[in-house]
């Protein structure tokens, strides 16, 4: 149980580091049986958020989590829910 948080503001322009960070946090959540990961791509143009969602839609990643929730009140935030 628990929650992890990943803020992508500092690396928004580095695609490789973004993928590595996303990968690392998803696998860490699975390993530690974390139920929720909060990813903060920020508001900006929406391109980073789209990249995050594309990453999460990859079949080998998608099978690891239960569902994605986009925050209605904060466009710059995505929740990834895990079920064990």
PDB file of N, CA and C in Angstrom:
ATOM      1  N   UNK A   1       0.850  -1.191   0.000  1.00  0.00           N
ATOM      2  CA  UNK A   1       0.000   0.000   0.000  1.00  0.00           C
ATOM      3  C   UNK A   1       0.884   1.239   0.000  1.00  0.00           C
ATOM      4  N   UNK A   2       0.320   2.326  -0.447  1.00  0.00           N
ATOM      5  CA  UNK A   2       1.075   3.558  -0.440  1.00  0.00           C
ATOM      6  C   UNK A   2       0.971   4.271  -1.769  1.00  0.00           C
ATOM      7  N   UNK A   3       1.805   5.288  -1.892  1.00  0.00           N
ATOM      8  CA  UNK A   3       1.721   6.149  -3.050  1.00  0.00           C
ATOM      9  C   UNK A   3       3.122   6.633  -3.421  1.00  0.00           C
ATOM     10  N   UNK A   4       3.377   6.724  -4.708  1.00  0.00           N
ATOM     11  CA  UNK A   4       4.630   7.297  -5.193  1.00  0.00           C
ATOM     12  C   UNK A   4       4.287   8.510  -6.039  1.00  0.00           C
ATOM     13  N   UNK A   5       5.245   9.424  -6.152  1.00  0.00           N
ATOM     14  CA  UNK A   5       5.012  10.644  -6.920  1.00  0.00           C
ATOM     15  C   UNK A   5       6.207  10.895  -7.826  1.00  0.00           C
ATOM     16  N   UNK A   6       5.921  11.268  -9.068  1.00  0.00           N
ATOM     17  CA  UNK A   6       6.976  11.587 -10.031  1.00  0.00           C
ATOM     18  C   UNK A   6       6.663  12.934 -10.659  1.00  0.00           C
ATOM     19  N   UNK A   7       7.516  13.911 -10.423  1.00  0.00           N
ATOM     20  CA  UNK A   7       7.356  15.252 -10.995  1.00  0.00           C
ATOM     21  C   UNK A   7       8.326  15.387 -12.159  1.00  0.00           C
ATOM     22  N   UNK A   8       7.792  15.604 -13.344  1.00  0.00           N
ATOM     23  CA  UNK A   8       8.620  15.658 -14.551  1.00  0.00           C
ATOM     24  C   UNK A   8       9.031  17.079 -14.946  1.00  0.00           C
ATOM     25  N   UNK A   9       8.707  18.065 -14.148  1.00  0.00           N
ATOM     26  CA  UNK A   9       9.032  19.453 -14.501  1.00  0.00           C
ATOM     27  C   UNK A   9      10.506  19.666 -14.852  1.00  0.00           C
ATOM     28  N   UNK A  10      11.396  19.076 -14.049  1.00  0.00           N
ATOM     29  CA  UNK A  10      12.829  19.329 -14.228  1.00  0.00           C
ATOM     30  C   UNK A  10      13.421  18.684 -15.484  1.00  0.00           C
ATOM     31  N   UNK A  11      12.772  17.636 -15.989  1.00  0.00           N
ATOM     32  CA  UNK A  11      13.360  16.916 -17.130  1.00  0.00           C
ATOM     33  C   UNK A  11      12.439  16.948 -18.349  1.00  0.00           C
ATOM     34  N   UNK A  12      11.505  17.899 -18.387  1.00  0.00           N
ATOM     35  CA  UNK A  12      10.470  17.917 -19.426  1.00  0.00           C
ATOM     36  C   UNK A  12      11.009  17.873 -20.850  1.00  0.00           C
ATOM     37  N   UNK A  13      12.250  18.331 -21.069  1.00  0.00           N
ATOM     38  CA  UNK A  13      12.776  18.389 -22.433  1.00  0.00           C
ATOM     39  C   UNK A  13      13.673  17.204 -22.780  1.00  0.00           C
ATOM     40  N   UNK A  14      13.835  16.267 -21.857  1.00  0.00           N
ATOM     41  CA  UNK A  14      14.743  15.141 -22.076  1.00  0.00           C
ATOM     42  C   UNK A  14      13.945  13.835 -22.184  1.00  0.00           C
ATOM     43  N   UNK A  15      13.552  13.510 -23.410  1.00  0.00           N
ATOM     44  CA  UNK A  15      12.698  12.351 -23.657  1.00  0.00           C
ATOM     45  C   UNK A  15      13.215  11.047 -23.076  1.00  0.00           C
ATOM     46  N   UNK A  16      14.514  10.818 -23.191  1.00  0.00           N
ATOM     47  CA  UNK A  16      15.086   9.568 -22.698  1.00  0.00           C
ATOM     48  C   UNK A  16      14.975   9.483 -21.172  1.00  0.00           C
ATOM     49  N   UNK A  17      15.300  10.586 -20.498  1.00  0.00           N
ATOM     50  CA  UNK A  17      15.212  10.595 -19.026  1.00  0.00           C
ATOM     51  C   UNK A  17      13.772  10.454 -18.558  1.00  0.00           C
ATOM     52  N   UNK A  18      12.839  11.023 -19.324  1.00  0.00           N
ATOM     53  CA  UNK A  18      11.420  10.906 -18.968  1.00  0.00           C
ATOM     54  C   UNK A  18      11.006   9.435 -19.024  1.00  0.00           C
ATOM     55  N   UNK A  19      11.350   8.753 -20.126  1.00  0.00           N
ATOM     56  CA  UNK A  19      11.016   7.324 -20.250  1.00  0.00           C
ATOM     57  C   UNK A  19      11.651   6.512 -19.130  1.00  0.00           C
ATOM     58  N   UNK A  20      12.920   6.796 -18.833  1.00  0.00           N
ATOM     59  CA  UNK A  20      13.606   6.066 -17.754  1.00  0.00           C
ATOM     60  C   UNK A  20      12.907   6.287 -16.419  1.00  0.00           C
ATOM     61  N   UNK A  21      12.540   7.532 -16.143  1.00  0.00           N
ATOM     62  CA  UNK A  21      11.877   7.858 -14.874  1.00  0.00           C
ATOM     63  C   UNK A  21      10.517   7.181 -14.772  1.00  0.00           C
ATOM     64  N   UNK A  22       9.760   7.200 -15.872  1.00  0.00           N
ATOM     65  CA  UNK A  22       8.442   6.564 -15.879  1.00  0.00           C
ATOM     66  C   UNK A  22       8.585   5.058 -15.671  1.00  0.00           C
ATOM     67  N   UNK A  23       9.522   4.473 -16.387  1.00  0.00           N
ATOM     68  CA  UNK A  23       9.762   3.042 -16.274  1.00  0.00           C
ATOM     69  C   UNK A  23      10.144   2.682 -14.844  1.00  0.00           C
ATOM     70  N   UNK A  24      11.075   3.442 -14.299  1.00  0.00           N
ATOM     71  CA  UNK A  24      11.565   3.164 -12.947  1.00  0.00           C
ATOM     72  C   UNK A  24      10.425   3.235 -11.923  1.00  0.00           C
ATOM     73  N   UNK A  25       9.574   4.248 -12.032  1.00  0.00           N
ATOM     74  CA  UNK A  25       8.532   4.404 -11.010  1.00  0.00           C
ATOM     75  C   UNK A  25       7.445   3.339 -11.147  1.00  0.00           C
ATOM     76  N   UNK A  26       7.141   2.937 -12.372  1.00  0.00           N
ATOM     77  CA  UNK A  26       6.143   1.875 -12.573  1.00  0.00           C
ATOM     78  C   UNK A  26       6.661   0.560 -11.990  1.00  0.00           C
ATOM     79  N   UNK A  27       7.914   0.220 -12.299  1.00  0.00           N
ATOM     80  CA  UNK A  27       8.463  -1.037 -11.783  1.00  0.00           C
ATOM     81  C   UNK A  27       8.660  -0.993 -10.270  1.00  0.00           C
ATOM     82  N   UNK A  28       9.001   0.174  -9.750  1.00  0.00           N
ATOM     83  CA  UNK A  28       9.133   0.314  -8.292  1.00  0.00           C
ATOM     84  C   UNK A  28       7.779   0.112  -7.623  1.00  0.00           C
ATOM     85  N   UNK A  29       6.725   0.671  -8.218  1.00  0.00           N
ATOM     86  CA  UNK A  29       5.374   0.513  -7.668  1.00  0.00           C
ATOM     87  C   UNK A  29       4.987  -0.964  -7.627  1.00  0.00           C
ATOM     88  N   UNK A  30       5.275  -1.685  -8.705  1.00  0.00           N
ATOM     89  CA  UNK A  30       4.952  -3.109  -8.767  1.00  0.00           C
ATOM     90  C   UNK A  30       5.737  -3.879  -7.705  1.00  0.00           C
ATOM     91  N   UNK A  31       7.034  -3.596  -7.637  1.00  0.00           N
ATOM     92  CA  UNK A  31       7.899  -4.307  -6.694  1.00  0.00           C
ATOM     93  C   UNK A  31       7.456  -4.082  -5.244  1.00  0.00           C
ATOM     94  N   UNK A  32       7.094  -2.839  -4.928  1.00  0.00           N
ATOM     95  CA  UNK A  32       6.720  -2.507  -3.544  1.00  0.00           C
ATOM     96  C   UNK A  32       5.223  -2.618  -3.289  1.00  0.00           C
ATOM     97  N   UNK A  33       4.479  -3.082  -4.307  1.00  0.00           N
ATOM     98  CA  UNK A  33       3.020  -3.192  -4.215  1.00  0.00           C
ATOM     99  C   UNK A  33       2.360  -1.867  -3.831  1.00  0.00           C
ATOM    100  N   UNK A  34       2.817  -0.814  -4.474  1.00  0.00           N
ATOM    101  CA  UNK A  34       2.232   0.516  -4.273  1.00  0.00           C
ATOM    102  C   UNK A  34       0.913   0.561  -5.050  1.00  0.00           C
ATOM    103  N   UNK A  35      -0.120   1.141  -4.472  1.00  0.00           N
ATOM    104  CA  UNK A  35      -1.424   1.135  -5.141  1.00  0.00           C
ATOM    105  C   UNK A  35      -1.652   2.338  -6.050  1.00  0.00           C
ATOM    106  N   UNK A  36      -0.878   3.410  -5.855  1.00  0.00           N
ATOM    107  CA  UNK A  36      -1.110   4.601  -6.671  1.00  0.00           C
ATOM    108  C   UNK A  36       0.194   5.341  -6.944  1.00  0.00           C
ATOM    109  N   UNK A  37       0.359   5.748  -8.201  1.00  0.00           N
ATOM    110  CA  UNK A  37       1.488   6.582  -8.589  1.00  0.00           C
ATOM    111  C   UNK A  37       0.913   7.869  -9.166  1.00  0.00           C
ATOM    112  N   UNK A  38       1.391   8.983  -8.661  1.00  0.00           N
ATOM    113  CA  UNK A  38       0.985  10.293  -9.178  1.00  0.00           C
ATOM    114  C   UNK A  38       2.108  10.800 -10.078  1.00  0.00           C
ATOM    115  N   UNK A  39       1.761  11.090 -11.325  1.00  0.00           N
ATOM    116  CA  UNK A  39       2.747  11.609 -12.275  1.00  0.00           C
ATOM    117  C   UNK A  39       2.353  13.040 -12.590  1.00  0.00           C
ATOM    118  N   UNK A  40       3.320  13.953 -12.495  1.00  0.00           N
ATOM    119  CA  UNK A  40       3.052  15.369 -12.732  1.00  0.00           C
ATOM    120  C   UNK A  40       3.827  15.833 -13.962  1.00  0.00           C
ATOM    121  N   UNK A  41       3.167  15.808 -15.135  1.00  0.00           N
ATOM    122  CA  UNK A  41       3.834  16.330 -16.326  1.00  0.00           C
ATOM    123  C   UNK A  41       3.732  17.851 -16.387  1.00  0.00           C
ATOM    124  N   UNK A  42       2.878  18.436 -15.567  1.00  0.00           N
ATOM    125  CA  UNK A  42       2.680  19.879 -15.604  1.00  0.00           C
ATOM    126  C   UNK A  42       1.670  20.251 -16.666  1.00  0.00           C
ATOM    127  N   UNK A  43       1.318  21.491 -16.715  1.00  0.00           N
ATOM    128  CA  UNK A  43       0.254  21.918 -17.617  1.00  0.00           C
ATOM    129  C   UNK A  43       0.786  22.220 -19.006  1.00  0.00           C
ATOM    130  N   UNK A  44       1.655  23.165 -19.154  1.00  0.00           N
ATOM    131  CA  UNK A  44       2.288  23.460 -20.443  1.00  0.00           C
ATOM    132  C   UNK A  44       1.405  23.295 -21.658  1.00  0.00           C
ATOM    133  N   UNK A  45       2.008  22.792 -22.746  1.00  0.00           N
ATOM    134  CA  UNK A  45       1.283  22.643 -24.004  1.00  0.00           C
ATOM    135  C   UNK A  45       0.500  21.340 -24.060  1.00  0.00           C
ATOM    136  N   UNK A  46       0.750  20.453 -23.122  1.00  0.00           N
ATOM    137  CA  UNK A  46       0.071  19.160 -23.132  1.00  0.00           C
ATOM    138  C   UNK A  46       0.883  18.082 -23.822  1.00  0.00           C
ATOM    139  N   UNK A  47       2.006  18.452 -24.435  1.00  0.00           N
ATOM    140  CA  UNK A  47       2.822  17.460 -25.141  1.00  0.00           C
ATOM    141  C   UNK A  47       3.435  16.434 -24.176  1.00  0.00           C
ATOM    142  N   UNK A  48       3.915  16.896 -23.045  1.00  0.00           N
ATOM    143  CA  UNK A  48       4.528  15.986 -22.079  1.00  0.00           C
ATOM    144  C   UNK A  48       3.484  15.015 -21.532  1.00  0.00           C
ATOM    145  N   UNK A  49       2.293  15.530 -21.262  1.00  0.00           N
ATOM    146  CA  UNK A  49       1.217  14.668 -20.773  1.00  0.00           C
ATOM    147  C   UNK A  49       0.894  13.596 -21.817  1.00  0.00           C
ATOM    148  N   UNK A  50       0.857  13.990 -23.085  1.00  0.00           N
ATOM    149  CA  UNK A  50       0.596  13.020 -24.160  1.00  0.00           C
ATOM    150  C   UNK A  50       1.697  11.968 -24.206  1.00  0.00           C
ATOM    151  N   UNK A  51       2.944  12.390 -24.025  1.00  0.00           N
ATOM    152  CA  UNK A  51       4.061  11.435 -24.016  1.00  0.00           C
ATOM    153  C   UNK A  51       3.917  10.442 -22.874  1.00  0.00           C
ATOM    154  N   UNK A  52       3.526  10.949 -21.703  1.00  0.00           N
ATOM    155  CA  UNK A  52       3.344  10.082 -20.533  1.00  0.00           C
ATOM    156  C   UNK A  52       2.240   9.064 -20.822  1.00  0.00           C
ATOM    157  N   UNK A  53       1.133   9.532 -21.373  1.00  0.00           N
ATOM    158  CA  UNK A  53       0.016   8.633 -21.667  1.00  0.00           C
ATOM    159  C   UNK A  53       0.405   7.603 -22.731  1.00  0.00           C
ATOM    160  N   UNK A  54       1.180   8.025 -23.736  1.00  0.00           N
ATOM    161  CA  UNK A  54       1.667   7.081 -24.755  1.00  0.00           C
ATOM    162  C   UNK A  54       2.551   6.011 -24.116  1.00  0.00           C
ATOM    163  N   UNK A  55       3.428   6.436 -23.214  1.00  0.00           N
ATOM    164  CA  UNK A  55       4.288   5.488 -22.505  1.00  0.00           C
ATOM    165  C   UNK A  55       3.430   4.468 -21.744  1.00  0.00           C
ATOM    166  N   UNK A  56       2.420   4.968 -21.030  1.00  0.00           N
ATOM    167  CA  UNK A  56       1.576   4.098 -20.214  1.00  0.00           C
ATOM    168  C   UNK A  56       0.723   3.155 -21.059  1.00  0.00           C
ATOM    169  N   UNK A  57       0.475   3.511 -22.311  1.00  0.00           N
ATOM    170  CA  UNK A  57      -0.342   2.677 -23.200  1.00  0.00           C
ATOM    171  C   UNK A  57       0.451   1.539 -23.842  1.00  0.00           C
ATOM    172  N   UNK A  58       1.764   1.538 -23.718  1.00  0.00           N
ATOM    173  CA  UNK A  58       2.556   0.449 -24.293  1.00  0.00           C
ATOM    174  C   UNK A  58       2.122  -0.872 -23.643  1.00  0.00           C
ATOM    175  N   UNK A  59       1.888  -1.907 -24.460  1.00  0.00           N
ATOM    176  CA  UNK A  59       1.364  -3.172 -23.916  1.00  0.00           C
ATOM    177  C   UNK A  59       2.146  -3.739 -22.731  1.00  0.00           C
ATOM    178  N   UNK A  60       3.481  -3.672 -22.780  1.00  0.00           N
ATOM    179  CA  UNK A  60       4.264  -4.272 -21.685  1.00  0.00           C
ATOM    180  C   UNK A  60       4.159  -3.461 -20.400  1.00  0.00           C
ATOM    181  N   UNK A  61       3.794  -2.186 -20.510  1.00  0.00           N
ATOM    182  CA  UNK A  61       3.592  -1.337 -19.329  1.00  0.00           C
ATOM    183  C   UNK A  61       2.131  -1.438 -18.872  1.00  0.00           C
ATOM    184  N   UNK A  62       1.236  -1.399 -19.844  1.00  0.00           N
ATOM    185  CA  UNK A  62      -0.199  -1.400 -19.542  1.00  0.00           C
ATOM    186  C   UNK A  62      -0.623  -2.622 -18.719  1.00  0.00           C
ATOM    187  N   UNK A  63       0.022  -3.758 -18.961  1.00  0.00           N
ATOM    188  CA  UNK A  63      -0.360  -4.973 -18.229  1.00  0.00           C
ATOM    189  C   UNK A  63       0.028  -4.906 -16.752  1.00  0.00           C
ATOM    190  N   UNK A  64       0.867  -3.936 -16.373  1.00  0.00           N
ATOM    191  CA  UNK A  64       1.346  -3.845 -14.997  1.00  0.00           C
ATOM    192  C   UNK A  64       0.404  -3.070 -14.070  1.00  0.00           C
ATOM    193  N   UNK A  65      -0.450  -2.222 -14.631  1.00  0.00           N
ATOM    194  CA  UNK A  65      -1.326  -1.408 -13.782  1.00  0.00           C
ATOM    195  C   UNK A  65      -2.786  -1.682 -14.079  1.00  0.00           C
ATOM    196  N   UNK A  66      -3.635  -1.202 -13.193  1.00  0.00           N
ATOM    197  CA  UNK A  66      -5.071  -1.450 -13.292  1.00  0.00           C
ATOM    198  C   UNK A  66      -5.769  -0.394 -14.158  1.00  0.00           C
ATOM    199  N   UNK A  67      -5.542   0.885 -13.842  1.00  0.00           N
ATOM    200  CA  UNK A  67      -6.198   1.952 -14.624  1.00  0.00           C
ATOM    201  C   UNK A  67      -5.470   3.280 -14.444  1.00  0.00           C
ATOM    202  N   UNK A  68      -5.791   4.207 -15.359  1.00  0.00           N
ATOM    203  CA  UNK A  68      -5.236   5.562 -15.315  1.00  0.00           C
ATOM    204  C   UNK A  68      -6.379   6.513 -14.999  1.00  0.00           C
ATOM    205  N   UNK A  69      -6.085   7.504 -14.183  1.00  0.00           N
ATOM    206  CA  UNK A  69      -7.073   8.526 -13.864  1.00  0.00           C
ATOM    207  C   UNK A  69      -6.448   9.887 -14.142  1.00  0.00           C
ATOM    208  N   UNK A  70      -7.132  10.665 -14.978  1.00  0.00           N
ATOM    209  CA  UNK A  70      -6.669  12.029 -15.231  1.00  0.00           C
ATOM    210  C   UNK A  70      -7.388  12.921 -14.233  1.00  0.00           C
ATOM    211  N   UNK A  71      -6.662  13.770 -13.568  1.00  0.00           N
ATOM    212  CA  UNK A  71      -7.230  14.654 -12.549  1.00  0.00           C
ATOM    213  C   UNK A  71      -8.099  15.716 -13.214  1.00  0.00           C
ATOM    214  N   UNK A  72      -9.391  15.719 -12.916  1.00  0.00           N
ATOM    215  CA  UNK A  72     -10.323  16.689 -13.514  1.00  0.00           C
ATOM    216  C   UNK A  72     -10.015  18.116 -13.072  1.00  0.00           C
ATOM    217  N   UNK A  73      -9.552  18.250 -11.839  1.00  0.00           N
ATOM    218  CA  UNK A  73      -9.327  19.593 -11.288  1.00  0.00           C
ATOM    219  C   UNK A  73      -7.940  20.139 -11.616  1.00  0.00           C
ATOM    220  N   UNK A  74      -7.013  19.236 -11.959  1.00  0.00           N
ATOM    221  CA  UNK A  74      -5.652  19.669 -12.253  1.00  0.00           C
ATOM    222  C   UNK A  74      -5.177  18.959 -13.515  1.00  0.00           C
ATOM    223  N   UNK A  75      -5.213  19.659 -14.633  1.00  0.00           N
ATOM    224  CA  UNK A  75      -4.862  19.089 -15.935  1.00  0.00           C
ATOM    225  C   UNK A  75      -3.453  18.507 -15.949  1.00  0.00           C
ATOM    226  N   UNK A  76      -2.564  19.046 -15.118  1.00  0.00           N
ATOM    227  CA  UNK A  76      -1.157  18.636 -15.126  1.00  0.00           C
ATOM    228  C   UNK A  76      -0.827  17.458 -14.239  1.00  0.00           C
ATOM    229  N   UNK A  77      -1.818  16.590 -13.991  1.00  0.00           N
ATOM    230  CA  UNK A  77      -1.588  15.483 -13.060  1.00  0.00           C
ATOM    231  C   UNK A  77      -2.293  14.214 -13.556  1.00  0.00           C
ATOM    232  N   UNK A  78      -1.598  13.093 -13.448  1.00  0.00           N
ATOM    233  CA  UNK A  78      -2.150  11.793 -13.854  1.00  0.00           C
ATOM    234  C   UNK A  78      -1.925  10.830 -12.695  1.00  0.00           C
ATOM    235  N   UNK A  79      -2.944  10.028 -12.401  1.00  0.00           N
ATOM    236  CA  UNK A  79      -2.802   8.979 -11.387  1.00  0.00           C
ATOM    237  C   UNK A  79      -2.811   7.629 -12.068  1.00  0.00           C
ATOM    238  N   UNK A  80      -1.889   6.770 -11.672  1.00  0.00           N
ATOM    239  CA  UNK A  80      -1.855   5.404 -12.192  1.00  0.00           C
ATOM    240  C   UNK A  80      -2.184   4.499 -11.004  1.00  0.00           C
ATOM    241  N   UNK A  81      -3.244   3.708 -11.164  1.00  0.00           N
ATOM    242  CA  UNK A  81      -3.690   2.839 -10.076  1.00  0.00           C
ATOM    243  C   UNK A  81      -3.273   1.397 -10.334  1.00  0.00           C
ATOM    244  N   UNK A  82      -2.769   0.757  -9.294  1.00  0.00           N
ATOM    245  CA  UNK A  82      -2.326  -0.632  -9.371  1.00  0.00           C
ATOM    246  C   UNK A  82      -3.216  -1.482  -8.480  1.00  0.00           C
ATOM    247  N   UNK A  83      -3.431  -2.726  -8.890  1.00  0.00           N
ATOM    248  CA  UNK A  83      -4.243  -3.665  -8.094  1.00  0.00           C
ATOM    249  C   UNK A  83      -3.449  -4.964  -7.986  1.00  0.00           C
ATOM    250  N   UNK A  84      -3.411  -5.515  -6.767  1.00  0.00           N
ATOM    251  CA  UNK A  84      -2.652  -6.760  -6.555  1.00  0.00           C
ATOM    252  C   UNK A  84      -3.539  -7.854  -6.030  1.00  0.00           C
TER     253      UNK A  84
END
